[in-house]
Amino acid sequence: MNVIERKKCKAQAHTLKPVVIVGQAGLTEAVLAEIDIALDTHELIKIKIRAEREDRVSISAKICQTTGAELIQSIGQIIVIHRINLKK
């Protein structure tokens, strides 16, 4: 994704609310399945990760690696990821 597309995604994500929240249980298979469904539906989503800073970095990397999504932005506990849905 180039810089212009990334800026457009950031602008679109500004008004979004977190679709998935990764809580105390951490990143489980059920949470990954929900993220995958949300990406198929919306392509661009916000995720709230309630964990320590070091854990948030590793969790967001694992989410992107597992789902094939691209990390657009990470601010505090909120990450924005994007994955193109080829079925649409």
Protein backbone atom coordinates (compact mmCIF):
# COMPACT_ATOMS: atom_id res chain seq x y z
CA MET A 1 0.00 0.00 0.00
CA ASN A 2 1.43 3.35 -0.97
CA VAL A 3 1.47 6.54 1.10
CA ILE A 4 -1.62 8.07 -0.52
CA GLU A 5 -3.73 4.95 0.05
CA ARG A 6 -2.52 4.77 3.65
CA LYS A 7 -3.56 8.41 4.25
CA LYS A 8 -7.01 7.70 2.80
CA CYS A 9 -7.40 4.70 5.10
CA LYS A 10 -6.38 6.78 8.13
CA ALA A 11 -8.94 9.43 7.20
CA GLN A 12 -11.69 6.82 6.78
CA ALA A 13 -10.77 5.13 10.06
CA HIS A 14 -10.98 8.37 12.03
CA THR A 15 -14.74 8.11 12.51
CA LEU A 16 -14.83 4.34 13.09
CA LYS A 17 -15.36 2.75 16.48
CA PRO A 18 -13.45 -0.40 17.54
CA VAL A 19 -15.17 -3.49 16.13
CA VAL A 20 -13.21 -6.03 18.17
CA ILE A 21 -11.73 -5.72 21.66
CA VAL A 22 -8.86 -7.98 22.73
CA GLY A 23 -9.33 -8.25 26.49
CA GLN A 24 -7.85 -10.07 29.46
CA ALA A 25 -7.96 -13.49 27.76
CA GLY A 26 -5.61 -12.19 25.08
CA LEU A 27 -5.62 -13.13 21.43
CA THR A 28 -7.64 -16.34 21.21
CA GLU A 29 -8.78 -18.30 18.17
CA ALA A 30 -12.31 -16.93 18.67
CA VAL A 31 -11.03 -13.34 18.60
CA LEU A 32 -9.01 -14.04 15.45
CA ALA A 33 -12.11 -15.53 13.82
CA GLU A 34 -14.12 -12.40 14.68
CA ILE A 35 -11.38 -10.18 13.25
CA ASP A 36 -11.37 -12.25 10.06
CA ILE A 37 -15.16 -11.92 9.72
CA ALA A 38 -15.01 -8.17 10.38
CA LEU A 39 -12.29 -7.74 7.74
CA ASP A 40 -14.35 -9.67 5.20
CA THR A 41 -17.31 -7.40 5.92
CA HIS A 42 -15.68 -3.98 6.32
CA GLU A 43 -12.09 -4.27 4.94
CA LEU A 44 -10.97 -1.44 7.28
CA ILE A 45 -11.46 -1.94 11.03
CA LYS A 46 -10.32 -0.64 14.39
CA ILE A 47 -9.32 -3.04 17.15
CA LYS A 48 -8.83 -2.15 20.81
CA ILE A 49 -6.09 -4.15 22.53
CA ARG A 50 -6.19 -4.02 26.32
CA ALA A 51 -2.65 -5.07 27.22
CA GLU A 52 0.75 -3.65 28.09
CA ARG A 53 2.64 -1.77 25.37
CA GLU A 54 5.07 -4.58 24.56
CA ASP A 55 2.22 -7.07 24.38
CA ARG A 56 0.18 -4.76 22.10
CA VAL A 57 3.00 -4.67 19.56
CA SER A 58 3.29 -8.45 19.45
CA ILE A 59 -0.50 -8.94 19.41
CA SER A 60 -0.95 -6.50 16.52
CA ALA A 61 1.86 -8.21 14.59
CA LYS A 62 0.26 -11.61 15.15
CA ILE A 63 -3.16 -10.30 14.06
CA CYS A 64 -1.69 -8.94 10.81
CA GLN A 65 0.32 -12.09 10.15
CA THR A 66 -2.60 -14.45 10.84
CA THR A 67 -5.29 -12.52 8.95
CA GLY A 68 -3.14 -11.24 6.09
CA ALA A 69 -4.12 -7.67 6.93
CA GLU A 70 -1.91 -4.61 6.83
CA LEU A 71 -1.35 -2.40 9.86
CA ILE A 72 -2.40 1.13 8.93
CA GLN A 73 -2.07 2.91 12.25
CA SER A 74 -1.38 2.23 15.92
CA ILE A 75 -2.24 4.83 18.55
CA GLY A 76 -2.27 3.76 22.18
CA GLN A 77 -4.59 0.79 22.60
CA ILE A 78 -6.21 1.22 19.17
CA ILE A 79 -4.92 -0.29 15.94
CA VAL A 80 -6.34 0.15 12.45
CA ILE A 81 -5.92 -2.69 9.97
CA HIS A 82 -6.93 -3.11 6.35
CA ARG A 83 -7.37 -6.12 4.11
CA ILE A 84 -8.90 -6.03 0.64
CA ASN A 85 -11.81 -8.41 0.20
CA LEU A 86 -11.39 -9.98 -3.23
CA LYS A 87 -14.93 -11.43 -3.09
CA LYS A 88 -16.51 -7.96 -3.34
